[in-house]
Protein backbone atom coordinates (compact mmCIF):
# COMPACT_ATOMS: atom_id res chain seq x y z
CA MET A 1 0.00 0.00 0.00
CA ARG A 2 2.67 2.46 1.00
CA ARG A 3 4.70 1.80 -2.07
CA CYS A 4 1.72 2.39 -4.34
CA GLY A 5 0.93 5.67 -2.58
CA GLY A 6 4.53 6.80 -3.05
CA HIS A 7 4.28 6.18 -6.78
CA LEU A 8 1.05 8.13 -6.94
CA LEU A 9 2.68 11.04 -5.15
CA ASP A 10 5.66 10.85 -7.51
CA ALA A 11 3.30 10.88 -10.50
CA ARG A 12 1.34 13.80 -9.07
CA GLY A 13 4.59 15.68 -8.44
CA ALA A 14 5.64 15.07 -12.06
CA VAL A 15 2.31 16.38 -13.31
CA LEU A 16 2.59 19.50 -11.16
CA ARG A 17 6.15 20.14 -12.37
CA GLN A 18 5.00 19.79 -15.98
CA GLN A 19 2.11 22.21 -15.38
CA ALA A 20 4.51 24.72 -13.83
CA ARG A 21 6.82 24.45 -16.87
CA ALA A 22 3.84 24.94 -19.21
CA ARG A 23 2.74 28.08 -17.29
CA ALA A 24 6.27 29.48 -17.45
CA SER A 25 6.33 28.85 -21.19
CA GLU A 26 2.93 30.57 -21.60
CA SER A 27 4.21 33.54 -19.60
CA ARG A 28 7.25 33.88 -21.84
CA PHE A 29 4.96 33.74 -24.87
CA ALA A 30 2.72 36.45 -23.38
CA VAL A 31 5.70 38.69 -22.66
CA ALA A 32 6.95 38.23 -26.24
CA ALA A 33 3.47 38.89 -27.65
CA LEU A 34 3.15 42.08 -25.58
CA ASP A 35 6.57 43.22 -26.73
CA ILE A 36 5.71 42.64 -30.40
CA THR A 37 2.29 44.28 -30.04
CA THR A 38 3.58 47.40 -28.32
CA THR A 39 6.52 47.65 -30.72
CA LEU A 40 4.24 47.49 -33.75
CA ASP A 41 1.69 49.88 -32.23
CA PRO A 42 3.15 51.87 -29.33
CA ASN A 43 -0.12 53.85 -29.05
CA LEU A 44 -2.20 50.76 -28.26
CA VAL A 45 -2.72 51.73 -24.63
CA ILE A 46 -4.97 48.77 -23.88
CA ALA A 47 -1.99 46.43 -24.45
CA TYR A 48 -0.06 48.23 -21.71
CA ARG A 49 -3.04 48.19 -19.36
CA PHE A 50 -4.05 44.56 -19.65
CA GLY A 51 -0.47 43.41 -20.17
CA ALA A 52 0.52 45.00 -16.89
CA MET A 53 -2.45 43.40 -15.14
CA PHE A 54 -1.56 39.95 -16.48
CA LEU A 55 2.15 40.25 -15.79
CA SER A 56 1.66 41.43 -12.21
CA GLN A 57 -0.85 38.81 -11.09
CA THR A 58 0.38 35.64 -9.43
CA PRO A 59 0.05 32.32 -11.26
CA PRO A 60 -2.15 30.71 -12.39
CA ALA A 61 -4.12 33.92 -13.12
CA GLY A 62 -1.06 35.77 -14.38
CA ALA A 63 2.65 35.58 -15.01
CA GLY A 64 3.79 36.62 -11.54
CA ARG A 65 6.29 39.10 -12.99
CA PRO A 66 5.57 42.54 -11.50
CA ASP A 67 9.03 43.71 -12.61
CA GLN A 68 8.07 43.15 -16.25
CA ALA A 69 4.70 44.82 -15.64
CA VAL A 70 6.46 47.96 -14.40
CA GLU A 71 8.80 47.87 -17.41
CA LEU A 72 5.85 47.58 -19.79
CA ILE A 73 4.01 50.49 -18.19
CA GLN A 74 7.10 52.69 -18.33
CA ARG A 75 7.43 51.93 -22.06
CA GLY A 76 3.79 52.92 -22.49
CA ILE A 77 4.39 56.25 -20.76
CA GLN A 78 7.44 56.94 -22.93
CA ALA A 79 5.48 56.12 -26.09
CA ASN A 80 2.44 58.17 -25.02
CA PRO A 81 3.76 61.01 -22.82
CA ASP A 82 0.69 63.23 -23.17
CA TYR A 83 -1.93 60.55 -22.64
CA TRP A 84 -3.20 60.75 -19.07
CA ARG A 85 -4.49 57.17 -19.00
CA CYS A 86 -0.93 55.84 -19.22
CA MET A 87 -0.18 57.69 -16.01
CA ARG A 88 -3.36 56.20 -14.55
CA ILE A 89 -2.06 52.71 -15.31
CA TRP A 90 1.27 53.64 -13.72
CA ASP A 91 -0.21 55.07 -10.54
CA SER A 92 -2.57 52.16 -9.99
CA SER A 93 0.34 49.79 -10.52
CA THR A 94 2.60 51.60 -8.09
CA THR A 95 -0.06 51.22 -5.41
CA SER A 96 -1.05 47.62 -6.12
CA ILE A 97 2.19 46.09 -7.43
CA LEU A 98 4.98 48.05 -5.79
CA LYS A 99 3.16 49.33 -2.70
CA ASP A 100 5.07 52.60 -3.21
CA TYR A 101 2.46 55.12 -2.08
CA PRO A 102 4.53 58.32 -2.35
CA LYS A 103 5.44 57.38 -5.93
CA ALA A 104 1.78 56.62 -6.66
CA ALA A 105 0.71 60.01 -5.33
CA ASP A 106 3.32 61.68 -7.53
CA ALA A 107 2.12 59.67 -10.54
CA PHE A 108 -1.50 60.73 -9.96
CA LEU A 109 -0.42 64.36 -9.63
CA GLU A 110 1.75 64.16 -12.76
CA GLY A 111 -1.09 62.47 -14.67
CA SER A 112 -3.51 65.21 -13.62
CA LYS A 113 -1.34 67.71 -15.52
CA LYS A 114 -1.75 65.89 -18.85
CA PRO A 115 -4.13 67.24 -21.51
CA ASN A 116 -7.74 66.11 -20.93
CA ALA A 117 -6.88 64.50 -17.59
CA GLN A 118 -9.74 63.88 -15.22
CA VAL A 119 -10.20 66.10 -12.16
CA TRP A 120 -10.37 63.12 -9.80
CA MET A 121 -6.68 62.40 -10.41
CA LYS A 122 -5.70 65.39 -8.23
CA VAL A 123 -8.06 64.16 -5.54
CA MET A 124 -6.50 60.68 -5.65
CA ALA A 125 -3.01 62.20 -5.44
CA ALA A 126 -3.98 64.03 -2.27
CA LYS A 127 -5.79 61.02 -0.80
CA ILE A 128 -2.89 58.61 -1.37
CA ALA A 129 -0.35 61.17 -0.12
CA ALA A 130 -2.38 61.69 3.05
CA GLU A 131 -3.33 58.08 3.80
CA GLY A 132 -0.27 56.21 2.53
CA GLU A 133 -0.33 52.52 3.43
CA SER A 134 -3.80 52.72 4.94
CA PHE A 135 -5.17 53.59 1.48
């Protein structure tokens, strides 16, 4: 009985290792696809937004690579410096991914200065600056 159970655990472990390798491969594919997409169309803001969400989430829902999410968002800001929504993606990421509240407040404030930015961005900058980690 024991021996049989050990083999089952070994088989289950092999399956789990294979699934982990497959997820890692899918994550690399997603990163490459995001890179190609944003290189071909650097103004496709939705690719930065959803790419950052996917990259920052932990597996199995995402890639578990917040460092690559931050990199992607920064490329989006460089490609679209006057588009306030890119700053919105950055500030929400700095609060949720990096937990860097002063940087998030600065990002909201900077984004509020962009053409056609929403008024609430200044309010969020003040709220995050005041509340910090309790936000």
